[in-house]
Amino acid sequence: HLKDVVKEGMRDRFDQLRRMGIRTVMITGDNPLTAHAIAQ
């Protein structure tokens, strides 16, 4: 099983940006299935 490893603390940082009123969008060349999993 190979996977893109999300950097430690990224979810907390995005939560922080959300509290700042900033919407985050991930851009990737991956297929939608992989992109959806990483985004979640």
PDB file of all heavy atoms in Angstrom:
ATOM      1  N   HIS A   1       0.849  -1.196   0.000  1.00  0.00           N
ATOM      2  CA  HIS A   1       0.000   0.000   0.000  1.00  0.00           C
ATOM      3  C   HIS A   1       0.886   1.248   0.000  1.00  0.00           C
ATOM      4  O   HIS A   1       1.586   1.528   0.967  1.00  0.00           O
ATOM      5  CB  HIS A   1      -0.903  -0.005   1.237  1.00  0.00           C
ATOM      6  CG  HIS A   1      -1.893   1.131   1.251  1.00  0.00           C
ATOM      7  ND1 HIS A   1      -2.849   1.265   2.228  1.00  0.00           N
ATOM      8  CD2 HIS A   1      -2.089   2.174   0.423  1.00  0.00           C
ATOM      9  CE1 HIS A   1      -3.578   2.340   1.995  1.00  0.00           C
ATOM     10  NE2 HIS A   1      -3.117   2.909   0.892  1.00  0.00           N
ATOM     11  N   LEU A   2       0.853   1.982  -1.114  1.00  0.00           N
ATOM     12  CA  LEU A   2       1.538   3.270  -1.200  1.00  0.00           C
ATOM     13  C   LEU A   2       0.522   4.384  -1.007  1.00  0.00           C
ATOM     14  O   LEU A   2      -0.589   4.306  -1.529  1.00  0.00           O
ATOM     15  CB  LEU A   2       2.187   3.460  -2.572  1.00  0.00           C
ATOM     16  CG  LEU A   2       3.456   2.703  -2.927  1.00  0.00           C
ATOM     17  CD1 LEU A   2       3.915   3.127  -4.308  1.00  0.00           C
ATOM     18  CD2 LEU A   2       4.549   2.928  -1.921  1.00  0.00           C
ATOM     19  N   LYS A   3       0.907   5.413  -0.296  1.00  0.00           N
ATOM     20  CA  LYS A   3      -0.016   6.527  -0.126  1.00  0.00           C
ATOM     21  C   LYS A   3       0.755   7.823   0.032  1.00  0.00           C
ATOM     22  O   LYS A   3       1.917   7.840   0.449  1.00  0.00           O
ATOM     23  CB  LYS A   3      -0.928   6.315   1.085  1.00  0.00           C
ATOM     24  CG  LYS A   3      -0.218   6.300   2.433  1.00  0.00           C
ATOM     25  CD  LYS A   3      -1.210   6.222   3.583  1.00  0.00           C
ATOM     26  CE  LYS A   3      -2.053   7.473   3.673  1.00  0.00           C
ATOM     27  NZ  LYS A   3      -2.900   7.516   4.865  1.00  0.00           N
ATOM     28  N   ASP A   4       0.091   8.895  -0.350  1.00  0.00           N
ATOM     29  CA  ASP A   4       0.623  10.225  -0.075  1.00  0.00           C
ATOM     30  C   ASP A   4       0.457  10.483   1.415  1.00  0.00           C
ATOM     31  O   ASP A   4      -0.660  10.431   1.937  1.00  0.00           O
ATOM     32  CB  ASP A   4      -0.142  11.286  -0.866  1.00  0.00           C
ATOM     33  CG  ASP A   4       0.256  11.313  -2.326  1.00  0.00           C
ATOM     34  OD1 ASP A   4       1.447  11.506  -2.594  1.00  0.00           O
ATOM     35  OD2 ASP A   4      -0.626  11.128  -3.179  1.00  0.00           O
ATOM     36  N   VAL A   5       1.557  10.763   2.064  1.00  0.00           N
ATOM     37  CA  VAL A   5       1.519  10.990   3.507  1.00  0.00           C
ATOM     38  C   VAL A   5       1.309  12.478   3.773  1.00  0.00           C
ATOM     39  O   VAL A   5       2.136  13.312   3.388  1.00  0.00           O
ATOM     40  CB  VAL A   5       2.815  10.504   4.177  1.00  0.00           C
ATOM     41  CG1 VAL A   5       2.779  10.777   5.675  1.00  0.00           C
ATOM     42  CG2 VAL A   5       3.017   9.017   3.903  1.00  0.00           C
ATOM     43  N   VAL A   6       0.196  12.798   4.379  1.00  0.00           N
ATOM     44  CA  VAL A   6      -0.107  14.189   4.710  1.00  0.00           C
ATOM     45  C   VAL A   6       0.825  14.650   5.827  1.00  0.00           C
ATOM     46  O   VAL A   6       1.053  13.937   6.804  1.00  0.00           O
ATOM     47  CB  VAL A   6      -1.582  14.339   5.141  1.00  0.00           C
ATOM     48  CG1 VAL A   6      -1.867  15.764   5.609  1.00  0.00           C
ATOM     49  CG2 VAL A   6      -2.501  13.958   3.992  1.00  0.00           C
ATOM     50  N   LYS A   7       1.385  15.831   5.661  1.00  0.00           N
ATOM     51  CA  LYS A   7       2.322  16.345   6.655  1.00  0.00           C
ATOM     52  C   LYS A   7       1.645  16.505   8.010  1.00  0.00           C
ATOM     53  O   LYS A   7       0.471  16.864   8.089  1.00  0.00           O
ATOM     54  CB  LYS A   7       2.875  17.698   6.200  1.00  0.00           C
ATOM     55  CG  LYS A   7       3.763  17.608   4.977  1.00  0.00           C
ATOM     56  CD  LYS A   7       4.255  18.982   4.570  1.00  0.00           C
ATOM     57  CE  LYS A   7       5.139  18.895   3.354  1.00  0.00           C
ATOM     58  NZ  LYS A   7       5.602  20.223   2.908  1.00  0.00           N
ATOM     59  N   GLU A   8       2.423  16.237   9.021  1.00  0.00           N
ATOM     60  CA  GLU A   8       1.903  16.331  10.387  1.00  0.00           C
ATOM     61  C   GLU A   8       1.457  17.762  10.690  1.00  0.00           C
ATOM     62  O   GLU A   8       2.154  18.728  10.397  1.00  0.00           O
ATOM     63  CB  GLU A   8       2.991  15.908  11.374  1.00  0.00           C
ATOM     64  CG  GLU A   8       2.520  15.851  12.822  1.00  0.00           C
ATOM     65  CD  GLU A   8       3.601  15.363  13.764  1.00  0.00           C
ATOM     66  OE1 GLU A   8       4.681  14.982  13.273  1.00  0.00           O
ATOM     67  OE2 GLU A   8       3.366  15.365  14.987  1.00  0.00           O
ATOM     68  N   GLY A   9       0.284  17.889  11.263  1.00  0.00           N
ATOM     69  CA  GLY A   9      -0.230  19.188  11.676  1.00  0.00           C
ATOM     70  C   GLY A   9      -0.950  19.962  10.593  1.00  0.00           C
ATOM     71  O   GLY A   9      -1.427  21.078  10.843  1.00  0.00           O
ATOM     72  N   MET A  10      -1.061  19.386   9.369  1.00  0.00           N
ATOM     73  CA  MET A  10      -1.703  20.132   8.291  1.00  0.00           C
ATOM     74  C   MET A  10      -3.188  20.381   8.574  1.00  0.00           C
ATOM     75  O   MET A  10      -3.707  21.451   8.293  1.00  0.00           O
ATOM     76  CB  MET A  10      -1.540  19.392   6.960  1.00  0.00           C
ATOM     77  CG  MET A  10      -0.130  19.405   6.400  1.00  0.00           C
ATOM     78  SD  MET A  10       0.582  21.071   6.224  1.00  0.00           S
ATOM     79  CE  MET A  10      -0.508  21.794   5.010  1.00  0.00           C
ATOM     80  N   ARG A  11      -3.866  19.372   9.123  1.00  0.00           N
ATOM     81  CA  ARG A  11      -5.296  19.561   9.421  1.00  0.00           C
ATOM     82  C   ARG A  11      -5.490  20.720  10.406  1.00  0.00           C
ATOM     83  O   ARG A  11      -6.412  21.529  10.248  1.00  0.00           O
ATOM     84  CB  ARG A  11      -5.894  18.265   9.975  1.00  0.00           C
ATOM     85  CG  ARG A  11      -7.364  18.400  10.392  1.00  0.00           C
ATOM     86  CD  ARG A  11      -7.963  17.069  10.787  1.00  0.00           C
ATOM     87  NE  ARG A  11      -8.276  16.261   9.617  1.00  0.00           N
ATOM     88  CZ  ARG A  11      -9.394  16.353   8.918  1.00  0.00           C
ATOM     89  NH1 ARG A  11     -10.316  17.251   9.249  1.00  0.00           N
ATOM     90  NH2 ARG A  11      -9.605  15.588   7.878  1.00  0.00           N
ATOM     91  N   ASP A  12      -4.628  20.798  11.406  1.00  0.00           N
ATOM     92  CA  ASP A  12      -4.731  21.898  12.369  1.00  0.00           C
ATOM     93  C   ASP A  12      -4.513  23.244  11.694  1.00  0.00           C
ATOM     94  O   ASP A  12      -5.189  24.234  12.000  1.00  0.00           O
ATOM     95  CB  ASP A  12      -3.709  21.715  13.496  1.00  0.00           C
ATOM     96  CG  ASP A  12      -4.045  20.537  14.390  1.00  0.00           C
ATOM     97  OD1 ASP A  12      -5.225  20.129  14.410  1.00  0.00           O
ATOM     98  OD2 ASP A  12      -3.131  20.009  15.052  1.00  0.00           O
ATOM     99  N   ARG A  13      -3.571  23.294  10.751  1.00  0.00           N
ATOM    100  CA  ARG A  13      -3.293  24.550  10.071  1.00  0.00           C
ATOM    101  C   ARG A  13      -4.467  24.961   9.187  1.00  0.00           C
ATOM    102  O   ARG A  13      -4.805  26.145   9.089  1.00  0.00           O
ATOM    103  CB  ARG A  13      -2.012  24.436   9.236  1.00  0.00           C
ATOM    104  CG  ARG A  13      -0.782  24.074  10.058  1.00  0.00           C
ATOM    105  CD  ARG A  13       0.484  24.446   9.357  1.00  0.00           C
ATOM    106  NE  ARG A  13       0.745  25.880   9.458  1.00  0.00           N
ATOM    107  CZ  ARG A  13       1.877  26.462   9.046  1.00  0.00           C
ATOM    108  NH1 ARG A  13       2.815  25.726   8.500  1.00  0.00           N
ATOM    109  NH2 ARG A  13       2.045  27.750   9.167  1.00  0.00           N
ATOM    110  N   PHE A  14      -5.092  23.989   8.538  1.00  0.00           N
ATOM    111  CA  PHE A  14      -6.244  24.322   7.705  1.00  0.00           C
ATOM    112  C   PHE A  14      -7.435  24.729   8.568  1.00  0.00           C
ATOM    113  O   PHE A  14      -8.228  25.589   8.176  1.00  0.00           O
ATOM    114  CB  PHE A  14      -6.604  23.148   6.797  1.00  0.00           C
ATOM    115  CG  PHE A  14      -5.595  22.921   5.694  1.00  0.00           C
ATOM    116  CD1 PHE A  14      -5.126  21.647   5.409  1.00  0.00           C
ATOM    117  CD2 PHE A  14      -5.117  23.979   4.954  1.00  0.00           C
ATOM    118  CE1 PHE A  14      -4.204  21.445   4.404  1.00  0.00           C
ATOM    119  CE2 PHE A  14      -4.189  23.785   3.942  1.00  0.00           C
ATOM    120  CZ  PHE A  14      -3.725  22.510   3.664  1.00  0.00           C
ATOM    121  N   ASP A  15      -7.566  24.113   9.732  1.00  0.00           N
ATOM    122  CA  ASP A  15      -8.606  24.549  10.667  1.00  0.00           C
ATOM    123  C   ASP A  15      -8.364  26.001  11.092  1.00  0.00           C
ATOM    124  O   ASP A  15      -9.303  26.797  11.225  1.00  0.00           O
ATOM    125  CB  ASP A  15      -8.624  23.648  11.907  1.00  0.00           C
ATOM    126  CG  ASP A  15      -9.196  22.267  11.605  1.00  0.00           C
ATOM    127  OD1 ASP A  15      -9.874  22.118  10.570  1.00  0.00           O
ATOM    128  OD2 ASP A  15      -8.953  21.335  12.391  1.00  0.00           O
ATOM    129  N   GLN A  16      -7.094  26.325  11.288  1.00  0.00           N
ATOM    130  CA  GLN A  16      -6.725  27.688  11.668  1.00  0.00           C
ATOM    131  C   GLN A  16      -7.086  28.670  10.553  1.00  0.00           C
ATOM    132  O   GLN A  16      -7.639  29.749  10.808  1.00  0.00           O
ATOM    133  CB  GLN A  16      -5.227  27.739  11.956  1.00  0.00           C
ATOM    134  CG  GLN A  16      -4.712  29.095  12.387  1.00  0.00           C
ATOM    135  CD  GLN A  16      -3.211  29.080  12.639  1.00  0.00           C
ATOM    136  OE1 GLN A  16      -2.567  28.047  12.523  1.00  0.00           O
ATOM    137  NE2 GLN A  16      -2.659  30.213  12.952  1.00  0.00           N
ATOM    138  N   LEU A  17      -6.802  28.291   9.304  1.00  0.00           N
ATOM    139  CA  LEU A  17      -7.148  29.148   8.170  1.00  0.00           C
ATOM    140  C   LEU A  17      -8.661  29.312   8.057  1.00  0.00           C
ATOM    141  O   LEU A  17      -9.154  30.392   7.717  1.00  0.00           O
ATOM    142  CB  LEU A  17      -6.583  28.559   6.878  1.00  0.00           C
ATOM    143  CG  LEU A  17      -5.067  28.683   6.693  1.00  0.00           C
ATOM    144  CD1 LEU A  17      -4.584  27.811   5.543  1.00  0.00           C
ATOM    145  CD2 LEU A  17      -4.674  30.128   6.452  1.00  0.00           C
ATOM    146  N   ARG A  18      -9.385  28.249   8.343  1.00  0.00           N
ATOM    147  CA  ARG A  18     -10.851  28.316   8.279  1.00  0.00           C
ATOM    148  C   ARG A  18     -11.372  29.323   9.304  1.00  0.00           C
ATOM    149  O   ARG A  18     -12.314  30.076   9.034  1.00  0.00           O
ATOM    150  CB  ARG A  18     -11.424  26.921   8.512  1.00  0.00           C
ATOM    151  CG  ARG A  18     -12.880  26.758   8.055  1.00  0.00           C
ATOM    152  CD  ARG A  18     -13.286  25.295   8.100  1.00  0.00           C
ATOM    153  NE  ARG A  18     -12.577  24.506   7.099  1.00  0.00           N
ATOM    154  CZ  ARG A  18     -11.652  23.587   7.378  1.00  0.00           C
ATOM    155  NH1 ARG A  18     -11.325  23.328   8.629  1.00  0.00           N
ATOM    156  NH2 ARG A  18     -11.046  22.933   6.423  1.00  0.00           N
ATOM    157  N   ARG A  19     -10.765  29.324  10.489  1.00  0.00           N
ATOM    158  CA  ARG A  19     -11.171  30.300  11.507  1.00  0.00           C
ATOM    159  C   ARG A  19     -10.818  31.724  11.087  1.00  0.00           C
ATOM    160  O   ARG A  19     -11.431  32.688  11.540  1.00  0.00           O
ATOM    161  CB  ARG A  19     -10.494  29.967  12.848  1.00  0.00           C
ATOM    162  CG  ARG A  19     -11.001  28.685  13.500  1.00  0.00           C
ATOM    163  CD  ARG A  19     -10.541  28.584  14.942  1.00  0.00           C
ATOM    164  NE  ARG A  19      -9.101  28.486  15.052  1.00  0.00           N
ATOM    165  CZ  ARG A  19      -8.411  27.348  15.032  1.00  0.00           C
ATOM    166  NH1 ARG A  19      -9.064  26.189  14.872  1.00  0.00           N
ATOM    167  NH2 ARG A  19      -7.106  27.343  15.154  1.00  0.00           N
ATOM    168  N   MET A  20      -9.827  31.848  10.223  1.00  0.00           N
ATOM    169  CA  MET A  20      -9.449  33.148   9.704  1.00  0.00           C
ATOM    170  C   MET A  20     -10.367  33.581   8.565  1.00  0.00           C
ATOM    171  O   MET A  20     -10.227  34.684   8.031  1.00  0.00           O
ATOM    172  CB  MET A  20      -7.998  33.099   9.186  1.00  0.00           C
ATOM    173  CG  MET A  20      -6.963  32.907  10.282  1.00  0.00           C
ATOM    174  SD  MET A  20      -5.357  32.291   9.686  1.00  0.00           S
ATOM    175  CE  MET A  20      -4.841  33.574   8.581  1.00  0.00           C
ATOM    176  N   GLY A  21     -11.288  32.706   8.177  1.00  0.00           N
ATOM    177  CA  GLY A  21     -12.206  33.033   7.094  1.00  0.00           C
ATOM    178  C   GLY A  21     -11.642  32.757   5.718  1.00  0.00           C
ATOM    179  O   GLY A  21     -12.119  33.316   4.726  1.00  0.00           O
ATOM    180  N   ILE A  22     -10.621  31.897   5.632  1.00  0.00           N
ATOM    181  CA  ILE A  22      -9.970  31.604   4.355  1.00  0.00           C
ATOM    182  C   ILE A  22     -10.362  30.206   3.889  1.00  0.00           C
ATOM    183  O   ILE A  22     -10.254  29.233   4.636  1.00  0.00           O
ATOM    184  CB  ILE A  22      -8.436  31.704   4.482  1.00  0.00           C
ATOM    185  CG1 ILE A  22      -8.046  33.131   4.843  1.00  0.00           C
ATOM    186  CG2 ILE A  22      -7.750  31.268   3.195  1.00  0.00           C
ATOM    187  CD1 ILE A  22      -6.575  33.301   5.123  1.00  0.00           C
ATOM    188  N   ARG A  23     -10.807  30.125   2.653  1.00  0.00           N
ATOM    189  CA  ARG A  23     -11.178  28.843   2.038  1.00  0.00           C
ATOM    190  C   ARG A  23      -9.949  28.245   1.363  1.00  0.00           C
ATOM    191  O   ARG A  23      -9.258  28.913   0.603  1.00  0.00           O
ATOM    192  CB  ARG A  23     -12.294  29.072   1.014  1.00  0.00           C
ATOM    193  CG  ARG A  23     -12.713  27.845   0.222  1.00  0.00           C
ATOM    194  CD  ARG A  23     -13.960  28.182  -0.606  1.00  0.00           C
ATOM    195  NE  ARG A  23     -14.256  27.151  -1.580  1.00  0.00           N
ATOM    196  CZ  ARG A  23     -13.860  27.177  -2.841  1.00  0.00           C
ATOM    197  NH1 ARG A  23     -13.153  28.215  -3.281  1.00  0.00           N
ATOM    198  NH2 ARG A  23     -14.174  26.212  -3.679  1.00  0.00           N
ATOM    199  N   THR A  24      -9.676  26.968   1.630  1.00  0.00           N
ATOM    200  CA  THR A  24      -8.493  26.312   1.081  1.00  0.00           C
ATOM    201  C   THR A  24      -8.889  25.350  -0.032  1.00  0.00           C
ATOM    202  O   THR A  24      -9.860  24.605   0.097  1.00  0.00           O
ATOM    203  CB  THR A  24      -7.730  25.555   2.177  1.00  0.00           C
ATOM    204  OG1 THR A  24      -8.628  24.665   2.861  1.00  0.00           O
ATOM    205  CG2 THR A  24      -7.137  26.517   3.186  1.00  0.00           C
ATOM    206  N   VAL A  25      -8.120  25.379  -1.120  1.00  0.00           N
ATOM    207  CA  VAL A  25      -8.365  24.510  -2.263  1.00  0.00           C
ATOM    208  C   VAL A  25      -7.069  23.796  -2.609  1.00  0.00           C
ATOM    209  O   VAL A  25      -6.038  24.442  -2.846  1.00  0.00           O
ATOM    210  CB  VAL A  25      -8.861  25.310  -3.483  1.00  0.00           C
ATOM    211  CG1 VAL A  25      -9.123  24.370  -4.661  1.00  0.00           C
ATOM    212  CG2 VAL A  25     -10.122  26.096  -3.142  1.00  0.00           C
ATOM    213  N   MET A  26      -7.110  22.481  -2.626  1.00  0.00           N
ATOM    214  CA  MET A  26      -5.946  21.677  -2.998  1.00  0.00           C
ATOM    215  C   MET A  26      -5.948  21.458  -4.508  1.00  0.00           C
ATOM    216  O   MET A  26      -6.966  21.075  -5.087  1.00  0.00           O
ATOM    217  CB  MET A  26      -5.980  20.332  -2.275  1.00  0.00           C
ATOM    218  CG  MET A  26      -4.798  19.427  -2.573  1.00  0.00           C
ATOM    219  SD  MET A  26      -4.985  17.793  -1.807  1.00  0.00           S
ATOM    220  CE  MET A  26      -6.174  17.045  -2.931  1.00  0.00           C
ATOM    221  N   ILE A  27      -4.802  21.687  -5.143  1.00  0.00           N
ATOM    222  CA  ILE A  27      -4.661  21.484  -6.583  1.00  0.00           C
ATOM    223  C   ILE A  27      -3.745  20.289  -6.818  1.00  0.00           C
ATOM    224  O   ILE A  27      -2.660  20.212  -6.233  1.00  0.00           O
ATOM    225  CB  ILE A  27      -4.064  22.728  -7.262  1.00  0.00           C
ATOM    226  CG1 ILE A  27      -4.954  23.945  -7.011  1.00  0.00           C
ATOM    227  CG2 ILE A  27      -3.888  22.510  -8.745  1.00  0.00           C
ATOM    228  CD1 ILE A  27      -4.389  25.228  -7.566  1.00  0.00           C
ATOM    229  N   THR A  28      -4.182  19.363  -7.659  1.00  0.00           N
ATOM    230  CA  THR A  28      -3.384  18.168  -7.906  1.00  0.00           C
ATOM    231  C   THR A  28      -3.657  17.628  -9.305  1.00  0.00           C
ATOM    232  O   THR A  28      -4.719  17.865  -9.884  1.00  0.00           O
ATOM    233  CB  THR A  28      -3.702  17.078  -6.858  1.00  0.00           C
ATOM    234  OG1 THR A  28      -2.957  15.894  -7.172  1.00  0.00           O
ATOM    235  CG2 THR A  28      -5.185  16.741  -6.847  1.00  0.00           C
ATOM    236  N   GLY A  29      -2.697  16.918  -9.817  1.00  0.00           N
ATOM    237  CA  GLY A  29      -2.874  16.237 -11.099  1.00  0.00           C
ATOM    238  C   GLY A  29      -3.420  14.837 -10.933  1.00  0.00           C
ATOM    239  O   GLY A  29      -3.633  14.128 -11.924  1.00  0.00           O
ATOM    240  N   ASP A  30      -3.653  14.404  -9.684  1.00  0.00           N
ATOM    241  CA  ASP A  30      -4.180  13.062  -9.422  1.00  0.00           C
ATOM    242  C   ASP A  30      -5.617  12.934  -9.912  1.00  0.00           C
ATOM    243  O   ASP A  30      -6.308  13.925 -10.151  1.00  0.00           O
ATOM    244  CB  ASP A  30      -4.132  12.755  -7.919  1.00  0.00           C
ATOM    245  CG  ASP A  30      -2.708  12.500  -7.442  1.00  0.00           C
ATOM    246  OD1 ASP A  30      -1.865  12.149  -8.279  1.00  0.00           O
ATOM    247  OD2 ASP A  30      -2.449  12.682  -6.244  1.00  0.00           O
ATOM    248  N   ASN A  31      -6.063  11.681  -9.979  1.00  0.00           N
ATOM    249  CA  ASN A  31      -7.455  11.434 -10.343  1.00  0.00           C
ATOM    250  C   ASN A  31      -8.375  11.885  -9.197  1.00  0.00           C
ATOM    251  O   ASN A  31      -7.933  12.013  -8.047  1.00  0.00           O
ATOM    252  CB  ASN A  31      -7.670   9.950 -10.656  1.00  0.00           C
ATOM    253  CG  ASN A  31      -7.373   9.072  -9.450  1.00  0.00           C
ATOM    254  OD1 ASN A  31      -8.135   9.036  -8.483  1.00  0.00           O
ATOM    255  ND2 ASN A  31      -6.261   8.352  -9.489  1.00  0.00           N
ATOM    256  N   PRO A  32      -9.642  12.115  -9.480  1.00  0.00           N
ATOM    257  CA  PRO A  32     -10.564  12.636  -8.454  1.00  0.00           C
ATOM    258  C   PRO A  32     -10.675  11.750  -7.222  1.00  0.00           C
ATOM    259  O   PRO A  32     -10.855  12.256  -6.109  1.00  0.00           O
ATOM    260  CB  PRO A  32     -11.903  12.729  -9.194  1.00  0.00           C
ATOM    261  CG  PRO A  32     -11.518  12.902 -10.632  1.00  0.00           C
ATOM    262  CD  PRO A  32     -10.275  12.083 -10.815  1.00  0.00           C
ATOM    263  N   LEU A  33     -10.574  10.412  -7.397  1.00  0.00           N
ATOM    264  CA  LEU A  33     -10.708   9.504  -6.264  1.00  0.00           C
ATOM    265  C   LEU A  33      -9.578   9.719  -5.263  1.00  0.00           C
ATOM    266  O   LEU A  33      -9.789   9.865  -4.055  1.00  0.00           O
ATOM    267  CB  LEU A  33     -10.715   8.055  -6.758  1.00  0.00           C
ATOM    268  CG  LEU A  33     -11.199   6.996  -5.770  1.00  0.00           C
ATOM    269  CD1 LEU A  33     -12.653   7.230  -5.389  1.00  0.00           C
ATOM    270  CD2 LEU A  33     -11.020   5.602  -6.375  1.00  0.00           C
ATOM    271  N   THR A  34      -8.340   9.753  -5.794  1.00  0.00           N
ATOM    272  CA  THR A  34      -7.182   9.978  -4.925  1.00  0.00           C
ATOM    273  C   THR A  34      -7.230  11.373  -4.320  1.00  0.00           C
ATOM    274  O   THR A  34      -6.960  11.560  -3.130  1.00  0.00           O
ATOM    275  CB  THR A  34      -5.883   9.797  -5.721  1.00  0.00           C
ATOM    276  OG1 THR A  34      -5.840   8.471  -6.253  1.00  0.00           O
ATOM    277  CG2 THR A  34      -4.666  10.030  -4.841  1.00  0.00           C
ATOM    278  N   ALA A  35      -7.587  12.352  -5.127  1.00  0.00           N
ATOM    279  CA  ALA A  35      -7.648  13.733  -4.642  1.00  0.00           C
ATOM    280  C   ALA A  35      -8.665  13.873  -3.513  1.00  0.00           C
ATOM    281  O   ALA A  35      -8.410  14.561  -2.514  1.00  0.00           O
ATOM    282  CB  ALA A  35      -8.003  14.671  -5.791  1.00  0.00           C
ATOM    283  N   HIS A  36      -9.813  13.208  -3.662  1.00  0.00           N
ATOM    284  CA  HIS A  36     -10.853  13.288  -2.634  1.00  0.00           C
ATOM    285  C   HIS A  36     -10.356  12.704  -1.315  1.00  0.00           C
ATOM    286  O   HIS A  36     -10.596  13.275  -0.239  1.00  0.00           O
ATOM    287  CB  HIS A  36     -12.093  12.541  -3.108  1.00  0.00           C
ATOM    288  CG  HIS A  36     -13.200  12.495  -2.092  1.00  0.00           C
ATOM    289  ND1 HIS A  36     -13.957  13.602  -1.778  1.00  0.00           N
ATOM    290  CD2 HIS A  36     -13.650  11.482  -1.305  1.00  0.00           C
ATOM    291  CE1 HIS A  36     -14.838  13.273  -0.841  1.00  0.00           C
ATOM    292  NE2 HIS A  36     -14.675  11.991  -0.543  1.00  0.00           N
ATOM    293  N   ALA A  37      -9.643  11.570  -1.392  1.00  0.00           N
ATOM    294  CA  ALA A  37      -9.146  10.929  -0.168  1.00  0.00           C
ATOM    295  C   ALA A  37      -8.134  11.819   0.550  1.00  0.00           C
ATOM    296  O   ALA A  37      -8.182  11.977   1.777  1.00  0.00           O
ATOM    297  CB  ALA A  37      -8.524   9.579  -0.513  1.00  0.00           C
ATOM    298  N   ILE A  38      -7.195  12.401  -0.205  1.00  0.00           N
ATOM    299  CA  ILE A  38      -6.188  13.267   0.409  1.00  0.00           C
ATOM    300  C   ILE A  38      -6.836  14.532   0.970  1.00  0.00           C
ATOM    301  O   ILE A  38      -6.484  15.001   2.053  1.00  0.00           O
ATOM    302  CB  ILE A  38      -5.102  13.631  -0.621  1.00  0.00           C
ATOM    303  CG1 ILE A  38      -4.344  12.382  -1.074  1.00  0.00           C
ATOM    304  CG2 ILE A  38      -4.123  14.645  -0.033  1.00  0.00           C
ATOM    305  CD1 ILE A  38      -3.594  11.671   0.018  1.00  0.00           C
ATOM    306  N   ALA A  39      -7.792  15.086   0.238  1.00  0.00           N
ATOM    307  CA  ALA A  39      -8.470  16.301   0.700  1.00  0.00           C
ATOM    308  C   ALA A  39      -9.187  16.067   2.021  1.00  0.00           C
ATOM    309  O   ALA A  39      -9.161  16.908   2.920  1.00  0.00           O
ATOM    310  CB  ALA A  39      -9.451  16.785  -0.364  1.00  0.00           C
ATOM    311  N   GLN A  40      -9.825  14.893   2.135  1.00  0.00           N
ATOM    312  CA  GLN A  40     -10.526  14.580   3.388  1.00  0.00           C
ATOM    313  C   GLN A  40      -9.553  14.405   4.537  1.00  0.00           C
ATOM    314  O   GLN A  40      -9.784  14.883   5.650  1.00  0.00           O
ATOM    315  CB  GLN A  40     -11.357  13.312   3.199  1.00  0.00           C
ATOM    316  CG  GLN A  40     -12.700  13.540   2.519  1.00  0.00           C
ATOM    317  CD  GLN A  40     -13.642  12.373   2.734  1.00  0.00           C
ATOM    318  OE1 GLN A  40     -13.221  11.207   2.734  1.00  0.00           O
ATOM    319  NE2 GLN A  40     -14.928  12.667   2.908  1.00  0.00           N
TER     320      GLN A  40
END
